[in-house]
Amino acid sequence: MPDAAAQDAAVPVPVAQEAAPDTAAPATVPSADPTLPRDLSPLGMFMQADIIVKAVMIGLIFASVVTWSVWLAKTIELFAARRRARRDIARLAEAGALADAGETFASVNSDVALLCRAAVDEIRRSHDAMNPDGVKERVASHFSRIEAAAARRMTRGTGILATIGSTAPFVGLFGTVWGIMNSFIGISKAQTTNLAVVAPGIAEALLATALGLVAAIPAVIIFNMFARATAGYRGLLGDGAAELWRMVSRDLDRAGGFRHRAAAE
């Protein structure tokens, strides 16, 4: 069997190939950056925000403080003025004539007292007037000016509420846009879209919008409330002016009757 042995020897025996080393690097889990902000409370987001966003937030917080300060001051002022007006109208109803009302309000400092003194002064100046309608017209002119001045005084300081209510949302939106822009810049520098990198900046930006709404919504509500309260106070002054107008009309009618009787005699 030499031929078979020779054939077996001629057949090459396959050599076992060495396993190629695995060149693929094991996947590494990105470690969390220890410098990323972790405190997402409102105070923490404010402290970590960009300087522009911080300035926007401080301005909106100041606007909110101004809103509530105006609310407190004007509420006390309107409450005291309405109480004085009701008290003075009740005292007017007890007076029988304009002269009695003038004595009652001689030393009183209120809007109804101003109306009364204006009527008394006009009657005194027009004691020799021949046309009662002209006297009534001048008295009505005094009344309208006093009521308008009182309304302007009551609305003084409330214009800032309208400004805050109309501009605060846009100021907050500016802070939001600026904060989101900085977040996108941070994403591009970090070369990652990891939520831990993106979320803090966006949360800070949205906080600016929230503060804008917190400043604007109460300002609008309080401004409308004061507008209604001022209209109601002017209505009270109108009641006092109407009572004084009736007194003026009665006094002029009496004076006209006296003159007619004196002329007849």
Protein backbone atom coordinates (compact mmCIF):
# COMPACT_ATOMS: atom_id res chain seq x y z
CA MET A 1 0.00 0.00 0.00
CA PRO A 2 2.83 2.41 -0.67
CA ASP A 3 0.82 4.34 -3.22
CA ALA A 4 -1.96 5.15 -0.69
CA ALA A 5 0.58 6.22 1.91
CA ALA A 6 2.27 8.46 -0.63
CA GLN A 7 -1.04 10.06 -1.57
CA ASP A 8 -1.86 10.72 2.10
CA ALA A 9 1.50 12.34 2.59
CA ALA A 10 1.01 14.47 -0.52
CA VAL A 11 -2.29 15.93 0.73
CA PRO A 12 -1.48 19.11 2.67
CA VAL A 13 -2.81 19.21 6.17
CA PRO A 14 -4.70 22.51 6.82
CA VAL A 15 -2.96 24.59 9.37
CA ALA A 16 -5.24 26.08 12.03
CA GLN A 17 -5.36 29.86 11.59
CA GLU A 18 -4.83 31.99 14.60
CA ALA A 19 -7.87 33.89 15.66
CA ALA A 20 -7.67 37.56 14.63
CA PRO A 21 -7.61 39.82 17.57
CA ASP A 22 -10.86 41.70 18.14
CA THR A 23 -10.01 45.26 17.27
CA ALA A 24 -13.48 46.62 18.22
CA ALA A 25 -13.15 48.71 21.37
CA PRO A 26 -15.69 47.97 24.04
CA ALA A 27 -18.52 50.50 24.19
CA THR A 28 -17.87 53.05 26.88
CA VAL A 29 -20.73 54.55 28.82
CA PRO A 30 -20.36 58.34 28.93
CA SER A 31 -19.95 59.46 32.46
CA ALA A 32 -22.06 62.28 33.66
CA ASP A 33 -20.27 65.58 33.70
CA PRO A 34 -19.95 66.55 37.35
CA THR A 35 -20.11 70.24 36.40
CA LEU A 36 -23.65 69.99 35.05
CA PRO A 37 -26.23 71.78 37.21
CA ARG A 38 -28.34 69.44 39.26
CA ASP A 39 -30.49 71.87 41.27
CA LEU A 40 -33.59 72.57 39.16
CA SER A 41 -35.43 74.47 41.85
CA PRO A 42 -36.44 78.05 40.90
CA LEU A 43 -33.65 79.51 43.04
CA GLY A 44 -31.12 77.04 41.68
CA MET A 45 -32.08 77.77 38.08
CA PHE A 46 -31.85 81.49 38.75
CA MET A 47 -28.35 81.18 40.22
CA GLN A 48 -27.14 79.07 37.28
CA ALA A 49 -28.74 81.17 34.55
CA ASP A 50 -26.94 83.39 32.06
CA ILE A 51 -26.35 87.01 33.11
CA ILE A 52 -28.90 88.29 30.56
CA VAL A 53 -31.54 85.83 31.74
CA LYS A 54 -30.77 86.80 35.34
CA ALA A 55 -31.28 90.48 34.50
CA VAL A 56 -34.63 89.67 32.88
CA MET A 57 -35.74 87.66 35.91
CA ILE A 58 -34.70 90.40 38.35
CA GLY A 59 -36.59 93.00 36.31
CA LEU A 60 -39.73 90.86 36.27
CA ILE A 61 -39.53 90.21 40.01
CA PHE A 62 -39.16 93.96 40.60
CA ALA A 63 -42.18 94.61 38.36
CA SER A 64 -44.21 92.12 40.39
CA VAL A 65 -43.20 93.85 43.64
CA VAL A 66 -44.25 97.21 42.15
CA THR A 67 -47.61 95.74 41.13
CA TRP A 68 -48.45 94.52 44.61
CA SER A 69 -47.17 97.75 46.21
CA VAL A 70 -49.48 99.80 44.00
CA TRP A 71 -52.34 97.43 44.82
CA LEU A 72 -51.85 97.89 48.55
CA ALA A 73 -51.48 101.67 48.43
CA LYS A 74 -54.39 102.31 46.06
CA THR A 75 -56.66 99.86 47.89
CA ILE A 76 -56.17 101.75 51.15
CA GLU A 77 -56.64 105.11 49.38
CA LEU A 78 -59.81 104.07 47.58
CA PHE A 79 -61.30 102.43 50.67
CA ALA A 80 -60.76 105.56 52.76
CA ALA A 81 -62.07 107.86 50.01
CA ARG A 82 -65.24 105.80 49.47
CA ARG A 83 -65.95 105.72 53.20
CA ARG A 84 -65.54 109.51 53.46
CA ALA A 85 -67.76 110.05 50.43
CA ARG A 86 -70.58 107.91 51.87
CA ARG A 87 -70.32 109.69 55.20
CA ASP A 88 -70.39 113.14 53.56
CA ILE A 89 -73.36 112.26 51.34
CA ALA A 90 -75.29 111.19 54.43
CA ARG A 91 -74.45 114.52 56.07
CA LEU A 92 -75.55 116.36 52.92
CA ALA A 93 -78.93 114.64 53.05
CA GLU A 94 -79.41 115.94 56.58
CA ALA A 95 -78.69 119.55 55.59
CA GLY A 96 -81.77 121.57 54.74
CA ALA A 97 -80.16 124.22 52.56
CA LEU A 98 -76.88 125.01 50.84
CA ALA A 99 -75.89 127.46 53.57
CA ASP A 100 -76.28 124.73 56.21
CA ALA A 101 -74.20 122.34 54.12
CA GLY A 102 -71.53 125.03 53.72
CA GLU A 103 -71.25 125.39 57.48
CA THR A 104 -71.12 121.63 57.95
CA PHE A 105 -68.24 121.18 55.48
CA ALA A 106 -66.38 124.41 56.24
CA SER A 107 -63.45 122.59 57.88
CA VAL A 108 -63.78 119.19 56.20
CA ASN A 109 -61.12 118.04 53.72
CA SER A 110 -62.83 115.75 51.22
CA ASP A 111 -64.06 115.76 47.64
CA VAL A 112 -67.69 116.20 48.65
CA ALA A 113 -66.63 119.18 50.79
CA LEU A 114 -64.89 120.64 47.73
CA LEU A 115 -68.12 120.29 45.77
CA CYS A 116 -70.06 122.01 48.53
CA ARG A 117 -67.60 124.88 48.87
CA ALA A 118 -67.56 125.36 45.10
CA ALA A 119 -71.35 125.66 45.03
CA VAL A 120 -71.42 128.08 47.96
CA ASP A 121 -68.68 130.21 46.42
CA GLU A 122 -70.44 130.38 43.05
CA ILE A 123 -73.74 131.37 44.67
CA ARG A 124 -71.92 134.07 46.62
CA ARG A 125 -70.26 135.42 43.49
CA SER A 126 -73.52 135.33 41.55
CA HIS A 127 -75.73 136.95 44.19
CA ASP A 128 -76.59 139.76 41.79
CA ALA A 129 -77.10 137.52 38.73
CA MET A 130 -80.40 137.93 36.99
CA ASN A 131 -80.42 134.57 35.18
CA PRO A 132 -80.60 131.47 37.44
CA ASP A 133 -79.83 129.19 34.49
CA GLY A 134 -76.42 130.80 34.12
CA VAL A 135 -75.70 130.21 37.79
CA LYS A 136 -76.67 126.55 37.48
CA GLU A 137 -74.46 126.16 34.43
CA ARG A 138 -71.45 127.58 36.25
CA VAL A 139 -72.08 125.38 39.28
CA ALA A 140 -72.32 122.32 37.03
CA SER A 141 -69.01 123.29 35.41
CA HIS A 142 -67.34 123.44 38.83
CA PHE A 143 -68.79 120.05 39.75
CA SER A 144 -67.56 118.36 36.57
CA ARG A 145 -64.02 119.70 37.04
CA ILE A 146 -63.86 118.59 40.67
CA GLU A 147 -65.11 115.11 39.79
CA ALA A 148 -62.59 114.80 36.95
CA ALA A 149 -59.74 115.91 39.22
CA ALA A 150 -60.78 113.36 41.86
CA ALA A 151 -60.88 110.59 39.26
CA ARG A 152 -57.41 111.54 37.99
CA ARG A 153 -56.07 111.49 41.53
CA MET A 154 -57.52 108.04 42.16
CA THR A 155 -55.98 106.64 38.96
CA ARG A 156 -52.58 108.19 39.64
CA GLY A 157 -49.99 105.43 39.86
CA THR A 158 -52.11 102.78 38.16
CA GLY A 159 -50.71 103.48 34.69
CA ILE A 160 -47.62 101.47 35.61
CA LEU A 161 -49.89 98.43 35.99
CA ALA A 162 -51.02 98.72 32.38
CA THR A 163 -47.38 99.00 31.27
CA ILE A 164 -46.35 95.93 33.27
CA GLY A 165 -49.34 93.93 32.07
CA SER A 166 -48.61 94.64 28.41
CA THR A 167 -44.81 94.34 28.38
CA ALA A 168 -43.93 91.71 31.01
CA PRO A 169 -44.83 88.69 28.81
CA PHE A 170 -42.60 89.97 26.02
CA VAL A 171 -39.74 90.67 28.41
CA GLY A 172 -40.06 87.12 29.72
CA LEU A 173 -40.16 85.81 26.16
CA PHE A 174 -36.92 87.65 25.42
CA GLY A 175 -35.28 85.88 28.36
CA THR A 176 -36.64 82.56 27.11
CA VAL A 177 -35.27 83.07 23.60
CA TRP A 178 -31.89 84.08 24.96
CA GLY A 179 -31.74 81.08 27.31
CA ILE A 180 -32.72 78.58 24.59
CA MET A 181 -30.14 80.09 22.26
CA ASN A 182 -27.47 79.55 24.92
CA SER A 183 -28.70 75.97 25.37
CA PHE A 184 -28.24 75.25 21.67
CA ILE A 185 -24.76 76.75 21.82
CA GLY A 186 -23.97 74.48 24.75
CA ILE A 187 -25.27 71.46 22.82
CA SER A 188 -23.02 72.24 19.86
CA LYS A 189 -19.97 72.65 22.11
CA ALA A 190 -20.63 69.45 24.05
CA GLN A 191 -21.28 67.46 20.83
CA THR A 192 -24.10 65.61 22.55
CA THR A 193 -27.85 65.71 22.83
CA ASN A 194 -27.87 64.18 26.30
CA LEU A 195 -30.92 65.39 28.20
CA ALA A 196 -28.75 66.16 31.22
CA VAL A 197 -26.95 68.76 29.11
CA VAL A 198 -30.02 70.22 27.38
CA ALA A 199 -32.60 70.29 30.17
CA PRO A 200 -31.10 72.81 32.63
CA GLY A 201 -30.69 75.60 30.07
CA ILE A 202 -34.18 75.12 28.66
CA ALA A 203 -35.66 75.02 32.17
CA GLU A 204 -33.94 78.33 33.01
CA ALA A 205 -35.31 79.86 29.82
CA LEU A 206 -38.85 78.71 30.57
CA LEU A 207 -38.55 80.14 34.08
CA ALA A 208 -38.18 83.59 32.51
CA THR A 209 -41.47 83.14 30.65
CA ALA A 210 -43.17 81.95 33.83
CA LEU A 211 -41.96 85.03 35.72
CA GLY A 212 -43.24 87.23 32.89
CA LEU A 213 -46.71 85.75 33.27
CA VAL A 214 -46.53 85.99 37.07
CA ALA A 215 -45.83 89.72 36.72
CA ALA A 216 -48.31 90.42 33.90
CA ILE A 217 -51.47 88.57 34.96
CA PRO A 218 -51.91 90.23 38.39
CA ALA A 219 -51.06 93.63 36.88
CA VAL A 220 -53.86 93.37 34.32
CA ILE A 221 -56.38 92.10 36.88
CA ILE A 222 -55.51 94.81 39.42
CA PHE A 223 -55.60 97.55 36.77
CA ASN A 224 -59.11 96.54 35.69
CA MET A 225 -60.20 96.31 39.33
CA PHE A 226 -58.97 99.84 40.02
CA ALA A 227 -60.65 101.13 36.86
CA ARG A 228 -64.00 99.81 38.10
CA ALA A 229 -63.38 101.09 41.63
CA THR A 230 -62.51 104.56 40.34
CA ALA A 231 -65.66 104.63 38.23
CA GLY A 232 -67.66 103.65 41.32
CA TYR A 233 -66.03 106.40 43.37
CA ARG A 234 -66.80 108.95 40.69
CA GLY A 235 -70.39 107.74 40.81
CA LEU A 236 -70.45 108.46 44.55
CA LEU A 237 -69.21 111.99 43.86
CA GLY A 238 -71.94 112.27 41.26
CA ASP A 239 -74.50 111.44 43.94
CA GLY A 240 -73.08 114.16 46.17
CA ALA A 241 -73.06 116.64 43.28
CA ALA A 242 -76.69 115.79 42.50
CA GLU A 243 -77.69 116.46 46.11
CA LEU A 244 -75.88 119.80 46.05
CA TRP A 245 -77.42 120.60 42.67
CA ARG A 246 -80.88 120.16 44.15
CA MET A 247 -79.97 122.49 47.00
CA VAL A 248 -78.69 125.11 44.55
CA SER A 249 -81.86 124.83 42.50
CA ARG A 250 -84.08 125.23 45.56
CA ASP A 251 -82.12 128.24 46.80
CA LEU A 252 -82.28 129.89 43.38
CA ASP A 253 -86.01 129.27 43.14
CA ARG A 254 -86.53 130.75 46.58
CA ALA A 255 -84.42 133.77 45.73
CA GLY A 256 -86.37 134.22 42.51
CA GLY A 257 -89.65 134.10 44.42
CA PHE A 258 -88.38 136.68 46.87
CA ARG A 259 -87.36 138.99 44.03
CA HIS A 260 -90.71 138.59 42.31
CA ARG A 261 -92.58 139.40 45.51
CA ALA A 262 -90.34 142.38 46.17
CA ALA A 263 -90.94 143.68 42.64
CA ALA A 264 -94.70 143.22 43.02
CA GLU A 265 -94.74 145.16 46.27
